[in-house]
Amino acid sequence: MPKPRYAQIVLEQTPYYHCTTRCVRQAFLCGHDESTGRVYDHRRDWIEERLLTLGKIFAIHICAYAVMSNHYHVVLHVDQPMADAWNDAEVITRWHSLFRGHELTHKYLKGLALSAAERRLLDEIVAEWRKRLMDISWFMRILNESIARKANAEDGCKGRFWEARFHCQALLDEQALAACMAYVDLNPVRACIAETPEDSDYTSIQTRVRQALKIRDALGWNEIDDPEHQPDSLVPFAGNPTQDMPNGLPFHLSDYLSLVDWTGRQIREDKPGHIRADYPHILTRLGIKPEKWLIMTSQFESRFKCWIGISETVRRICRKLGYTRSPGIGACVALMPG
């Protein structure tokens, strides 16, 4: 039985979530429909641009994404400390970039005096907007609704563009996060619409590789791991999780790129490969066996349910939420270390 969003998104347990949305009837509403000859690739531009724009407005950052012909994937990081640190003007300005706002909020930004009653109402409005600006449901709603409106206007029709709201999976630890990001970044390769990750259009991996090549040519290969040199539209890779580090993904970018490249070679049926003796150290650090990693990164959605992590972590969150059973625990026990 599907879990409600409030039961799937629990920030006390993890700030990382994998979300997926599909077009109605899985039709080719964002790509090339070979049966009719119509091309909708420009709509993938819409989704990518809107997704990255919202990532700069919300306290929700983009870790990975892949926009396919009839669906898209995104791995999100909810930054609650960022939202909590915004002052009232920051919250209002961000919300006004999305909606018209309220008469009182416009009055406040103009520096006009507010009565005590108006100030109390303003505080309530700002508190609600602050909550929404770190809410994945609001993020996905604004993203999907704007794309649906543009597509329906272009087609001169009404009705659903997306088949449902969105599917959500909580990523409870580093193993789940790494596997999910690789799964998302390799979607075009797995679908045989790209030969390599860097050739995969409308993906975060392509954006990261292009930026890394620029930094390599300008400053040298060792500099690509510096978070300051990574794309500002994506959550940076910040380094080894066992060390003190700035906010960011708990891996080195160079390790992750090697891992994605190695994984892509293994899961392509038309490109048989072998596991090198010196396979990327990130697998060893995460305690994942290569054969289990390949299953996770090629069958992530079908194998796992709403919570993904080592078995004890999944059981703990289920107990906290009052569930008598732990959905999907079998896959976590079989595939996740710990």
C-alpha atoms as a PDB file:
ATOM      1  CA  MET A   1       0.000   0.000   0.000  1.00  0.00           C
ATOM      2  CA  PRO A   2       1.492   3.408  -0.995  1.00  0.00           C
ATOM      3  CA  LYS A   3       2.729   5.574   1.860  1.00  0.00           C
ATOM      4  CA  PRO A   4       1.525   9.195   2.197  1.00  0.00           C
ATOM      5  CA  ARG A   5       4.123  11.931   1.574  1.00  0.00           C
ATOM      6  CA  TYR A   6       4.333  12.901   5.257  1.00  0.00           C
ATOM      7  CA  ALA A   7       5.388   9.333   6.085  1.00  0.00           C
ATOM      8  CA  GLN A   8       7.984   9.213   3.283  1.00  0.00           C
ATOM      9  CA  ILE A   9       9.677  12.561   3.932  1.00  0.00           C
ATOM     10  CA  VAL A  10      11.125  12.628   7.443  1.00  0.00           C
ATOM     11  CA  LEU A  11      13.885  15.237   7.685  1.00  0.00           C
ATOM     12  CA  GLU A  12      14.951  14.038  11.128  1.00  0.00           C
ATOM     13  CA  GLN A  13      16.125  10.815   9.472  1.00  0.00           C
ATOM     14  CA  THR A  14      17.600  12.074   6.189  1.00  0.00           C
ATOM     15  CA  PRO A  15      17.694  15.198   4.018  1.00  0.00           C
ATOM     16  CA  TYR A  16      18.150  13.145   0.796  1.00  0.00           C
ATOM     17  CA  TYR A  17      15.258  11.963  -1.422  1.00  0.00           C
ATOM     18  CA  HIS A  18      14.851  10.410  -4.862  1.00  0.00           C
ATOM     19  CA  CYS A  19      11.784  11.638  -6.756  1.00  0.00           C
ATOM     20  CA  THR A  20      10.371  10.452 -10.076  1.00  0.00           C
ATOM     21  CA  THR A  21       7.519  11.730 -12.240  1.00  0.00           C
ATOM     22  CA  ARG A  22       6.185  10.122 -15.412  1.00  0.00           C
ATOM     23  CA  CYS A  23       4.060  11.438 -18.257  1.00  0.00           C
ATOM     24  CA  VAL A  24       0.522  10.147 -18.727  1.00  0.00           C
ATOM     25  CA  ARG A  25       0.431   6.674 -20.247  1.00  0.00           C
ATOM     26  CA  GLN A  26       4.242   6.896 -20.416  1.00  0.00           C
ATOM     27  CA  ALA A  27       3.777   8.717 -23.728  1.00  0.00           C
ATOM     28  CA  PHE A  28       6.663  10.456 -25.484  1.00  0.00           C
ATOM     29  CA  LEU A  29       5.616  13.909 -24.352  1.00  0.00           C
ATOM     30  CA  CYS A  30       9.165  15.114 -23.694  1.00  0.00           C
ATOM     31  CA  GLY A  31      11.200  13.324 -26.374  1.00  0.00           C
ATOM     32  CA  HIS A  32      11.028  11.858 -29.880  1.00  0.00           C
ATOM     33  CA  ASP A  33       7.930   9.798 -30.644  1.00  0.00           C
ATOM     34  CA  GLU A  34       9.020   7.478 -33.446  1.00  0.00           C
ATOM     35  CA  SER A  35       5.445   6.297 -34.066  1.00  0.00           C
ATOM     36  CA  THR A  36       4.246   9.793 -35.012  1.00  0.00           C
ATOM     37  CA  GLY A  37       7.514  11.453 -35.927  1.00  0.00           C
ATOM     38  CA  ARG A  38       6.873  14.350 -33.564  1.00  0.00           C
ATOM     39  CA  VAL A  39       9.779  15.711 -31.549  1.00  0.00           C
ATOM     40  CA  TYR A  40       9.310  17.129 -28.042  1.00  0.00           C
ATOM     41  CA  ASP A  41      12.947  17.424 -26.977  1.00  0.00           C
ATOM     42  CA  HIS A  42      12.597  21.132 -26.279  1.00  0.00           C
ATOM     43  CA  ARG A  43      10.343  20.209 -23.349  1.00  0.00           C
ATOM     44  CA  ARG A  44      13.277  18.455 -21.739  1.00  0.00           C
ATOM     45  CA  ASP A  45      14.999  21.846 -21.843  1.00  0.00           C
ATOM     46  CA  TRP A  46      11.990  23.294 -20.014  1.00  0.00           C
ATOM     47  CA  ILE A  47      12.229  20.689 -17.257  1.00  0.00           C
ATOM     48  CA  GLU A  48      15.993  21.002 -16.809  1.00  0.00           C
ATOM     49  CA  GLU A  49      15.899  24.808 -16.723  1.00  0.00           C
ATOM     50  CA  ARG A  50      12.959  24.962 -14.324  1.00  0.00           C
ATOM     51  CA  LEU A  51      14.443  22.285 -12.060  1.00  0.00           C
ATOM     52  CA  LEU A  52      17.758  24.108 -11.691  1.00  0.00           C
ATOM     53  CA  THR A  53      16.019  27.456 -11.214  1.00  0.00           C
ATOM     54  CA  LEU A  54      13.880  26.108  -8.372  1.00  0.00           C
ATOM     55  CA  GLY A  55      17.016  24.637  -6.802  1.00  0.00           C
ATOM     56  CA  LYS A  56      18.291  28.202  -6.356  1.00  0.00           C
ATOM     57  CA  ILE A  57      15.014  29.526  -4.923  1.00  0.00           C
ATOM     58  CA  PHE A  58      14.079  26.735  -2.509  1.00  0.00           C
ATOM     59  CA  ALA A  59      16.164  25.450   0.378  1.00  0.00           C
ATOM     60  CA  ILE A  60      16.184  22.255  -1.671  1.00  0.00           C
ATOM     61  CA  HIS A  61      19.289  21.506  -3.711  1.00  0.00           C
ATOM     62  CA  ILE A  62      19.849  19.243  -6.716  1.00  0.00           C
ATOM     63  CA  CYS A  63      22.247  16.319  -6.235  1.00  0.00           C
ATOM     64  CA  ALA A  64      21.497  14.455  -9.468  1.00  0.00           C
ATOM     65  CA  TYR A  65      18.912  14.478 -12.233  1.00  0.00           C
ATOM     66  CA  ALA A  66      18.091  12.863 -15.558  1.00  0.00           C
ATOM     67  CA  VAL A  67      15.330  14.094 -17.885  1.00  0.00           C
ATOM     68  CA  MET A  68      14.185  11.245 -20.121  1.00  0.00           C
ATOM     69  CA  SER A  69      11.647  11.118 -22.955  1.00  0.00           C
ATOM     70  CA  ASN A  70       8.631  10.263 -20.787  1.00  0.00           C
ATOM     71  CA  HIS A  71       9.818  10.752 -17.197  1.00  0.00           C
ATOM     72  CA  TYR A  72      12.486  12.374 -15.090  1.00  0.00           C
ATOM     73  CA  HIS A  73      14.488  11.538 -11.969  1.00  0.00           C
ATOM     74  CA  VAL A  74      15.883  13.935  -9.406  1.00  0.00           C
ATOM     75  CA  VAL A  75      17.835  13.394  -6.174  1.00  0.00           C
ATOM     76  CA  LEU A  76      17.105  16.257  -3.777  1.00  0.00           C
ATOM     77  CA  HIS A  77      18.778  17.537  -0.619  1.00  0.00           C
ATOM     78  CA  VAL A  78      16.577  19.473   1.819  1.00  0.00           C
ATOM     79  CA  ASP A  79      18.662  22.147   3.560  1.00  0.00           C
ATOM     80  CA  GLN A  80      16.564  23.003   6.619  1.00  0.00           C
ATOM     81  CA  PRO A  81      19.382  24.974   8.347  1.00  0.00           C
ATOM     82  CA  MET A  82      19.514  27.254   5.309  1.00  0.00           C
ATOM     83  CA  ALA A  83      15.766  27.933   5.437  1.00  0.00           C
ATOM     84  CA  ASP A  84      15.897  28.532   9.192  1.00  0.00           C
ATOM     85  CA  ALA A  85      18.694  31.084   8.716  1.00  0.00           C
ATOM     86  CA  TRP A  86      16.788  33.237   6.197  1.00  0.00           C
ATOM     87  CA  ASN A  87      15.458  36.528   7.532  1.00  0.00           C
ATOM     88  CA  ASP A  88      11.905  37.604   6.718  1.00  0.00           C
ATOM     89  CA  ALA A  89      12.928  39.667   3.695  1.00  0.00           C
ATOM     90  CA  GLU A  90      14.817  36.711   2.208  1.00  0.00           C
ATOM     91  CA  VAL A  91      11.834  34.385   2.584  1.00  0.00           C
ATOM     92  CA  ILE A  92       9.458  36.939   1.072  1.00  0.00           C
ATOM     93  CA  THR A  93      11.746  37.766  -1.852  1.00  0.00           C
ATOM     94  CA  ARG A  94      12.182  34.098  -2.727  1.00  0.00           C
ATOM     95  CA  TRP A  95       8.430  33.455  -2.559  1.00  0.00           C
ATOM     96  CA  HIS A  96       7.694  36.540  -4.672  1.00  0.00           C
ATOM     97  CA  SER A  97       9.921  35.101  -7.414  1.00  0.00           C
ATOM     98  CA  LEU A  98       7.367  32.294  -7.685  1.00  0.00           C
ATOM     99  CA  PHE A  99       4.025  33.912  -6.797  1.00  0.00           C
ATOM    100  CA  ARG A 100       2.461  37.349  -6.532  1.00  0.00           C
ATOM    101  CA  GLY A 101       2.577  37.285  -2.752  1.00  0.00           C
ATOM    102  CA  HIS A 102       0.407  39.105  -0.233  1.00  0.00           C
ATOM    103  CA  GLU A 103      -0.398  42.793   0.149  1.00  0.00           C
ATOM    104  CA  LEU A 104       1.336  42.851   3.530  1.00  0.00           C
ATOM    105  CA  THR A 105       4.541  41.272   2.211  1.00  0.00           C
ATOM    106  CA  HIS A 106       4.811  43.890  -0.527  1.00  0.00           C
ATOM    107  CA  LYS A 107       4.179  46.591   2.064  1.00  0.00           C
ATOM    108  CA  TYR A 108       6.910  45.155   4.299  1.00  0.00           C
ATOM    109  CA  LEU A 109       9.494  45.083   1.490  1.00  0.00           C
ATOM    110  CA  LYS A 110       8.760  48.735   0.716  1.00  0.00           C
ATOM    111  CA  GLY A 111       9.672  49.590   4.296  1.00  0.00           C
ATOM    112  CA  LEU A 112       6.196  50.879   5.196  1.00  0.00           C
ATOM    113  CA  ALA A 113       5.046  50.828   8.817  1.00  0.00           C
ATOM    114  CA  LEU A 114       2.943  47.875   9.979  1.00  0.00           C
ATOM    115  CA  SER A 115       0.451  47.791  12.824  1.00  0.00           C
ATOM    116  CA  ALA A 116       0.796  45.178  15.560  1.00  0.00           C
ATOM    117  CA  ALA A 117      -1.982  43.099  14.001  1.00  0.00           C
ATOM    118  CA  GLU A 118      -0.403  43.346  10.563  1.00  0.00           C
ATOM    119  CA  ARG A 119       2.956  42.313  12.002  1.00  0.00           C
ATOM    120  CA  ARG A 120       1.431  39.215  13.608  1.00  0.00           C
ATOM    121  CA  LEU A 121      -0.235  38.266  10.324  1.00  0.00           C
ATOM    122  CA  LEU A 122       3.014  38.878   8.453  1.00  0.00           C
ATOM    123  CA  ASP A 123       4.866  36.567  10.852  1.00  0.00           C
ATOM    124  CA  GLU A 124       2.316  33.821  10.168  1.00  0.00           C
ATOM    125  CA  ILE A 125       2.643  34.275   6.404  1.00  0.00           C
ATOM    126  CA  VAL A 126       6.443  34.217   6.510  1.00  0.00           C
ATOM    127  CA  ALA A 127       6.456  31.107   8.720  1.00  0.00           C
ATOM    128  CA  GLU A 128       4.198  29.304   6.249  1.00  0.00           C
ATOM    129  CA  TRP A 129       6.263  30.358   3.241  1.00  0.00           C
ATOM    130  CA  ARG A 130       9.492  29.351   4.981  1.00  0.00           C
ATOM    131  CA  LYS A 131       8.023  25.880   5.547  1.00  0.00           C
ATOM    132  CA  ARG A 132       6.921  25.604   1.925  1.00  0.00           C
ATOM    133  CA  LEU A 133      10.339  26.656   0.626  1.00  0.00           C
ATOM    134  CA  MET A 134      11.874  23.528   2.152  1.00  0.00           C
ATOM    135  CA  ASP A 135       8.942  21.236   1.281  1.00  0.00           C
ATOM    136  CA  ILE A 136       9.577  18.659  -1.447  1.00  0.00           C
ATOM    137  CA  SER A 137       5.857  18.427  -2.252  1.00  0.00           C
ATOM    138  CA  TRP A 138       5.736  22.168  -2.973  1.00  0.00           C
ATOM    139  CA  PHE A 139       8.972  21.942  -4.988  1.00  0.00           C
ATOM    140  CA  MET A 140       7.621  19.133  -7.164  1.00  0.00           C
ATOM    141  CA  ARG A 141       4.195  20.731  -7.450  1.00  0.00           C
ATOM    142  CA  ILE A 142       5.592  24.013  -8.803  1.00  0.00           C
ATOM    143  CA  LEU A 143       7.964  22.193 -11.154  1.00  0.00           C
ATOM    144  CA  ASN A 144       5.371  19.825 -12.592  1.00  0.00           C
ATOM    145  CA  GLU A 145       2.531  22.316 -12.791  1.00  0.00           C
ATOM    146  CA  SER A 146       4.556  24.866 -14.737  1.00  0.00           C
ATOM    147  CA  ILE A 147       5.697  22.256 -17.282  1.00  0.00           C
ATOM    148  CA  ALA A 148       2.174  20.853 -17.673  1.00  0.00           C
ATOM    149  CA  ARG A 149       0.741  24.312 -18.349  1.00  0.00           C
ATOM    150  CA  LYS A 150       3.353  25.091 -21.010  1.00  0.00           C
ATOM    151  CA  ALA A 151       2.947  21.718 -22.720  1.00  0.00           C
ATOM    152  CA  ASN A 152      -0.859  21.902 -22.754  1.00  0.00           C
ATOM    153  CA  ALA A 153      -0.735  25.459 -24.111  1.00  0.00           C
ATOM    154  CA  GLU A 154       1.630  24.315 -26.863  1.00  0.00           C
ATOM    155  CA  ASP A 155      -0.640  21.380 -27.752  1.00  0.00           C
ATOM    156  CA  GLY A 156      -3.834  23.435 -27.454  1.00  0.00           C
ATOM    157  CA  CYS A 157      -5.389  20.948 -25.059  1.00  0.00           C
ATOM    158  CA  LYS A 158      -6.382  20.433 -21.447  1.00  0.00           C
ATOM    159  CA  GLY A 159      -5.990  17.595 -18.972  1.00  0.00           C
ATOM    160  CA  ARG A 160      -3.191  15.738 -17.248  1.00  0.00           C
ATOM    161  CA  PHE A 161       0.387  15.901 -18.481  1.00  0.00           C
ATOM    162  CA  TRP A 162       1.849  13.873 -15.579  1.00  0.00           C
ATOM    163  CA  GLU A 163       0.248  10.582 -14.621  1.00  0.00           C
ATOM    164  CA  ALA A 164       0.479  11.277 -10.860  1.00  0.00           C
ATOM    165  CA  ARG A 165       2.076  13.656  -8.363  1.00  0.00           C
ATOM    166  CA  PHE A 166       5.472  12.024  -7.919  1.00  0.00           C
ATOM    167  CA  HIS A 167       7.081   8.910  -6.497  1.00  0.00           C
ATOM    168  CA  CYS A 168       9.457   9.438  -3.571  1.00  0.00           C
ATOM    169  CA  GLN A 169      12.147   7.313  -1.902  1.00  0.00           C
ATOM    170  CA  ALA A 170      14.118   8.343   1.198  1.00  0.00           C
ATOM    171  CA  LEU A 171      17.888   7.758   1.016  1.00  0.00           C
ATOM    172  CA  LEU A 172      18.913   7.004   4.589  1.00  0.00           C
ATOM    173  CA  ASP A 173      22.695   6.661   4.321  1.00  0.00           C
ATOM    174  CA  GLU A 174      25.740   7.155   2.087  1.00  0.00           C
ATOM    175  CA  GLN A 175      25.387   3.762   0.411  1.00  0.00           C
ATOM    176  CA  ALA A 176      21.811   4.487  -0.668  1.00  0.00           C
ATOM    177  CA  LEU A 177      22.746   7.999  -1.801  1.00  0.00           C
ATOM    178  CA  ALA A 178      25.672   6.840  -3.951  1.00  0.00           C
ATOM    179  CA  ALA A 179      23.689   3.992  -5.531  1.00  0.00           C
ATOM    180  CA  CYS A 180      20.702   6.184  -6.292  1.00  0.00           C
ATOM    181  CA  MET A 181      22.778   8.989  -7.825  1.00  0.00           C
ATOM    182  CA  ALA A 182      24.607   6.512 -10.068  1.00  0.00           C
ATOM    183  CA  TYR A 183      21.280   4.937 -11.038  1.00  0.00           C
ATOM    184  CA  VAL A 184      19.890   8.357 -12.006  1.00  0.00           C
ATOM    185  CA  ASP A 185      23.005   9.521 -13.855  1.00  0.00           C
ATOM    186  CA  LEU A 186      23.191   6.292 -15.877  1.00  0.00           C
ATOM    187  CA  ASN A 187      19.549   6.299 -16.996  1.00  0.00           C
ATOM    188  CA  PRO A 188      20.305   7.406 -20.587  1.00  0.00           C
ATOM    189  CA  VAL A 189      23.107   4.830 -20.892  1.00  0.00           C
ATOM    190  CA  ARG A 190      20.841   2.064 -19.612  1.00  0.00           C
ATOM    191  CA  ALA A 191      18.115   3.159 -22.053  1.00  0.00           C
ATOM    192  CA  CYS A 192      20.646   2.991 -24.945  1.00  0.00           C
ATOM    193  CA  ILE A 193      20.103   6.633 -25.908  1.00  0.00           C
ATOM    194  CA  ALA A 194      23.665   7.632 -24.950  1.00  0.00           C
ATOM    195  CA  GLU A 195      26.986   5.856 -25.297  1.00  0.00           C
ATOM    196  CA  THR A 196      28.681   7.404 -22.287  1.00  0.00           C
ATOM    197  CA  PRO A 197      27.661   9.446 -19.222  1.00  0.00           C
ATOM    198  CA  GLU A 198      29.233  12.607 -20.649  1.00  0.00           C
ATOM    199  CA  ASP A 199      27.130  12.190 -23.823  1.00  0.00           C
ATOM    200  CA  SER A 200      23.925  11.911 -21.786  1.00  0.00           C
ATOM    201  CA  ASP A 201      21.979  15.096 -22.457  1.00  0.00           C
ATOM    202  CA  TYR A 202      19.781  16.617 -19.744  1.00  0.00           C
ATOM    203  CA  THR A 203      21.655  14.920 -16.905  1.00  0.00           C
ATOM    204  CA  SER A 204      23.649  16.122 -13.910  1.00  0.00           C
ATOM    205  CA  ILE A 205      26.558  13.842 -14.813  1.00  0.00           C
ATOM    206  CA  GLN A 206      27.037  15.638 -18.136  1.00  0.00           C
ATOM    207  CA  THR A 207      27.025  19.005 -16.363  1.00  0.00           C
ATOM    208  CA  ARG A 208      29.581  17.783 -13.826  1.00  0.00           C
ATOM    209  CA  VAL A 209      31.878  16.252 -16.461  1.00  0.00           C
ATOM    210  CA  ARG A 210      31.851  19.357 -18.658  1.00  0.00           C
ATOM    211  CA  GLN A 211      32.745  21.552 -15.688  1.00  0.00           C
ATOM    212  CA  ALA A 212      35.447  19.112 -14.576  1.00  0.00           C
ATOM    213  CA  LEU A 213      37.049  19.195 -18.031  1.00  0.00           C
ATOM    214  CA  LYS A 214      37.137  22.998 -17.959  1.00  0.00           C
ATOM    215  CA  ILE A 215      38.808  22.974 -14.552  1.00  0.00           C
ATOM    216  CA  ARG A 216      41.249  20.251 -15.636  1.00  0.00           C
ATOM    217  CA  ASP A 217      42.326  22.291 -18.656  1.00  0.00           C
ATOM    218  CA  ALA A 218      42.607  25.539 -16.675  1.00  0.00           C
ATOM    219  CA  LEU A 219      43.976  24.421 -13.310  1.00  0.00           C
ATOM    220  CA  GLY A 220      44.871  20.738 -13.500  1.00  0.00           C
ATOM    221  CA  TRP A 221      43.146  17.453 -12.751  1.00  0.00           C
ATOM    222  CA  ASN A 222      43.642  17.632  -8.968  1.00  0.00           C
ATOM    223  CA  GLU A 223      41.509  20.774  -8.764  1.00  0.00           C
ATOM    224  CA  ILE A 224      38.255  19.145  -9.946  1.00  0.00           C
ATOM    225  CA  ASP A 225      37.584  17.876  -6.406  1.00  0.00           C
ATOM    226  CA  ASP A 226      37.492  21.394  -4.987  1.00  0.00           C
ATOM    227  CA  PRO A 227      33.816  22.197  -4.214  1.00  0.00           C
ATOM    228  CA  GLU A 228      34.379  25.799  -5.304  1.00  0.00           C
ATOM    229  CA  HIS A 229      35.188  24.626  -8.833  1.00  0.00           C
ATOM    230  CA  GLN A 230      32.071  22.482  -9.270  1.00  0.00           C
ATOM    231  CA  PRO A 231      28.768  23.558 -10.913  1.00  0.00           C
ATOM    232  CA  ASP A 232      26.897  26.020  -8.695  1.00  0.00           C
ATOM    233  CA  SER A 233      23.557  24.590  -9.840  1.00  0.00           C
ATOM    234  CA  LEU A 234      24.308  21.224  -8.189  1.00  0.00           C
ATOM    235  CA  VAL A 235      25.258  20.069  -4.691  1.00  0.00           C
ATOM    236  CA  PRO A 236      29.069  19.817  -4.735  1.00  0.00           C
ATOM    237  CA  PHE A 237      31.062  16.736  -3.827  1.00  0.00           C
ATOM    238  CA  ALA A 238      32.821  17.693  -0.618  1.00  0.00           C
ATOM    239  CA  GLY A 239      35.196  14.795   0.042  1.00  0.00           C
ATOM    240  CA  ASN A 240      35.777  11.870   2.366  1.00  0.00           C
ATOM    241  CA  PRO A 241      32.887  11.492   4.846  1.00  0.00           C
ATOM    242  CA  THR A 242      35.275  10.419   7.623  1.00  0.00           C
ATOM    243  CA  GLN A 243      36.921  13.839   7.634  1.00  0.00           C
ATOM    244  CA  ASP A 244      35.741  17.303   8.625  1.00  0.00           C
ATOM    245  CA  MET A 245      34.430  18.961   5.488  1.00  0.00           C
ATOM    246  CA  PRO A 246      32.104  21.697   4.190  1.00  0.00           C
ATOM    247  CA  ASN A 247      28.489  20.923   3.348  1.00  0.00           C
ATOM    248  CA  GLY A 248      28.127  18.722   0.304  1.00  0.00           C
ATOM    249  CA  LEU A 249      28.007  15.160  -0.942  1.00  0.00           C
ATOM    250  CA  PRO A 250      30.217  12.865   1.171  1.00  0.00           C
ATOM    251  CA  PHE A 251      32.466  11.675  -1.684  1.00  0.00           C
ATOM    252  CA  HIS A 252      35.201  13.024  -3.922  1.00  0.00           C
ATOM    253  CA  LEU A 253      33.998  14.040  -7.398  1.00  0.00           C
ATOM    254  CA  SER A 254      36.855  12.163  -9.059  1.00  0.00           C
ATOM    255  CA  ASP A 255      35.884   8.981  -7.177  1.00  0.00           C
ATOM    256  CA  TYR A 256      32.246   9.372  -8.193  1.00  0.00           C
ATOM    257  CA  LEU A 257      33.059   9.964 -11.866  1.00  0.00           C
ATOM    258  CA  SER A 258      35.267   6.853 -11.873  1.00  0.00           C
ATOM    259  CA  LEU A 259      32.535   4.884 -10.174  1.00  0.00           C
ATOM    260  CA  VAL A 260      29.838   5.947 -12.660  1.00  0.00           C
ATOM    261  CA  ASP A 261      32.104   5.180 -15.610  1.00  0.00           C
ATOM    262  CA  TRP A 262      32.976   1.746 -14.208  1.00  0.00           C
ATOM    263  CA  THR A 263      29.327   0.979 -13.406  1.00  0.00           C
ATOM    264  CA  GLY A 264      28.185   2.027 -16.864  1.00  0.00           C
ATOM    265  CA  ARG A 265      30.607  -0.401 -18.477  1.00  0.00           C
ATOM    266  CA  GLN A 266      29.253  -3.279 -16.405  1.00  0.00           C
ATOM    267  CA  ILE A 267      25.513  -2.795 -16.906  1.00  0.00           C
ATOM    268  CA  ARG A 268      25.566  -2.281 -20.689  1.00  0.00           C
ATOM    269  CA  GLU A 269      24.783  -5.589 -22.396  1.00  0.00           C
ATOM    270  CA  ASP A 270      26.436  -4.452 -25.636  1.00  0.00           C
ATOM    271  CA  LYS A 271      29.626  -3.411 -23.802  1.00  0.00           C
ATOM    272  CA  PRO A 272      30.741  -6.389 -21.724  1.00  0.00           C
ATOM    273  CA  GLY A 273      33.478  -5.556 -19.263  1.00  0.00           C
ATOM    274  CA  HIS A 274      35.289  -7.019 -16.334  1.00  0.00           C
ATOM    275  CA  ILE A 275      35.735  -5.815 -12.792  1.00  0.00           C
ATOM    276  CA  ARG A 276      39.217  -4.396 -12.491  1.00  0.00           C
ATOM    277  CA  ALA A 277      41.356  -5.399  -9.554  1.00  0.00           C
ATOM    278  CA  ASP A 278      41.713  -1.687  -8.730  1.00  0.00           C
ATOM    279  CA  TYR A 279      38.024  -0.820  -8.891  1.00  0.00           C
ATOM    280  CA  PRO A 280      37.167   2.634  -7.465  1.00  0.00           C
ATOM    281  CA  HIS A 281      37.966   2.983  -3.778  1.00  0.00           C
ATOM    282  CA  ILE A 282      34.549   4.467  -3.051  1.00  0.00           C
ATOM    283  CA  LEU A 283      33.036   0.956  -3.149  1.00  0.00           C
ATOM    284  CA  THR A 284      35.509  -0.289  -0.590  1.00  0.00           C
ATOM    285  CA  ARG A 285      34.893   2.759   1.592  1.00  0.00           C
ATOM    286  CA  LEU A 286      31.139   2.216   1.494  1.00  0.00           C
ATOM    287  CA  GLY A 287      31.487  -1.493   2.171  1.00  0.00           C
ATOM    288  CA  ILE A 288      29.523  -2.571  -0.919  1.00  0.00           C
ATOM    289  CA  LYS A 289      30.399  -5.656  -2.929  1.00  0.00           C
ATOM    290  CA  PRO A 290      30.691  -4.953  -6.698  1.00  0.00           C
ATOM    291  CA  GLU A 291      28.096  -7.529  -7.717  1.00  0.00           C
ATOM    292  CA  LYS A 292      25.536  -6.077  -5.301  1.00  0.00           C
ATOM    293  CA  TRP A 293      26.376  -2.542  -6.415  1.00  0.00           C
ATOM    294  CA  LEU A 294      25.524  -3.469 -10.018  1.00  0.00           C
ATOM    295  CA  ILE A 295      22.120  -4.793  -8.959  1.00  0.00           C
ATOM    296  CA  MET A 296      21.395  -1.650  -6.953  1.00  0.00           C
ATOM    297  CA  THR A 297      22.379   0.734  -9.749  1.00  0.00           C
ATOM    298  CA  SER A 298      20.416  -1.076 -12.452  1.00  0.00           C
ATOM    299  CA  GLN A 299      17.295  -2.028 -10.469  1.00  0.00           C
ATOM    300  CA  PHE A 300      17.061   0.736  -7.865  1.00  0.00           C
ATOM    301  CA  GLU A 301      13.359   1.562  -8.258  1.00  0.00           C
ATOM    302  CA  SER A 302      12.143  -2.008  -8.667  1.00  0.00           C
ATOM    303  CA  ARG A 303      14.169  -3.461  -5.790  1.00  0.00           C
ATOM    304  CA  PHE A 304      13.643  -0.796  -3.142  1.00  0.00           C
ATOM    305  CA  LYS A 305      10.527   0.745  -1.606  1.00  0.00           C
ATOM    306  CA  CYS A 306      10.067   4.129   0.063  1.00  0.00           C
ATOM    307  CA  TRP A 307      13.059   3.937   2.458  1.00  0.00           C
ATOM    308  CA  ILE A 308      16.517   2.797   1.413  1.00  0.00           C
ATOM    309  CA  GLY A 309      19.470   2.187   3.721  1.00  0.00           C
ATOM    310  CA  ILE A 310      21.114  -0.459   5.852  1.00  0.00           C
ATOM    311  CA  SER A 311      18.547  -2.731   7.487  1.00  0.00           C
ATOM    312  CA  GLU A 312      18.858  -1.369  11.029  1.00  0.00           C
ATOM    313  CA  THR A 313      18.339   2.207   9.810  1.00  0.00           C
ATOM    314  CA  VAL A 314      15.192   1.207   7.922  1.00  0.00           C
ATOM    315  CA  ARG A 315      13.839  -0.723  10.915  1.00  0.00           C
ATOM    316  CA  ARG A 316      14.535   2.219  13.212  1.00  0.00           C
ATOM    317  CA  ILE A 317      12.598   4.724  11.105  1.00  0.00           C
ATOM    318  CA  CYS A 318       9.708   2.265  10.734  1.00  0.00           C
ATOM    319  CA  ARG A 319       9.527   1.830  14.507  1.00  0.00           C
ATOM    320  CA  LYS A 320       9.592   5.594  14.978  1.00  0.00           C
ATOM    321  CA  LEU A 321       6.693   6.022  12.548  1.00  0.00           C
ATOM    322  CA  GLY A 322       4.687   3.243  14.196  1.00  0.00           C
ATOM    323  CA  TYR A 323       4.833   0.633  11.423  1.00  0.00           C
ATOM    324  CA  THR A 324       4.584  -2.997  12.473  1.00  0.00           C
ATOM    325  CA  ARG A 325       6.357  -4.084   9.257  1.00  0.00           C
ATOM    326  CA  SER A 326       9.358  -2.632   7.436  1.00  0.00           C
ATOM    327  CA  PRO A 327       8.479  -2.261   3.723  1.00  0.00           C
ATOM    328  CA  GLY A 328      11.270  -3.369   1.386  1.00  0.00           C
ATOM    329  CA  ILE A 329      13.503  -4.581   4.212  1.00  0.00           C
ATOM    330  CA  GLY A 330      14.362  -7.759   2.284  1.00  0.00           C
ATOM    331  CA  ALA A 331      16.169  -5.857  -0.466  1.00  0.00           C
ATOM    332  CA  CYS A 332      18.024  -3.721   2.072  1.00  0.00           C
ATOM    333  CA  VAL A 333      19.211  -6.823   3.970  1.00  0.00           C
ATOM    334  CA  ALA A 334      20.289  -8.563   0.751  1.00  0.00           C
ATOM    335  CA  LEU A 335      22.025  -5.654  -0.959  1.00  0.00           C
ATOM    336  CA  MET A 336      23.106  -3.071   1.625  1.00  0.00           C
ATOM    337  CA  PRO A 337      26.081  -3.647   3.953  1.00  0.00           C
ATOM    338  CA  GLY A 338      25.630  -3.479   7.698  1.00  0.00           C
END
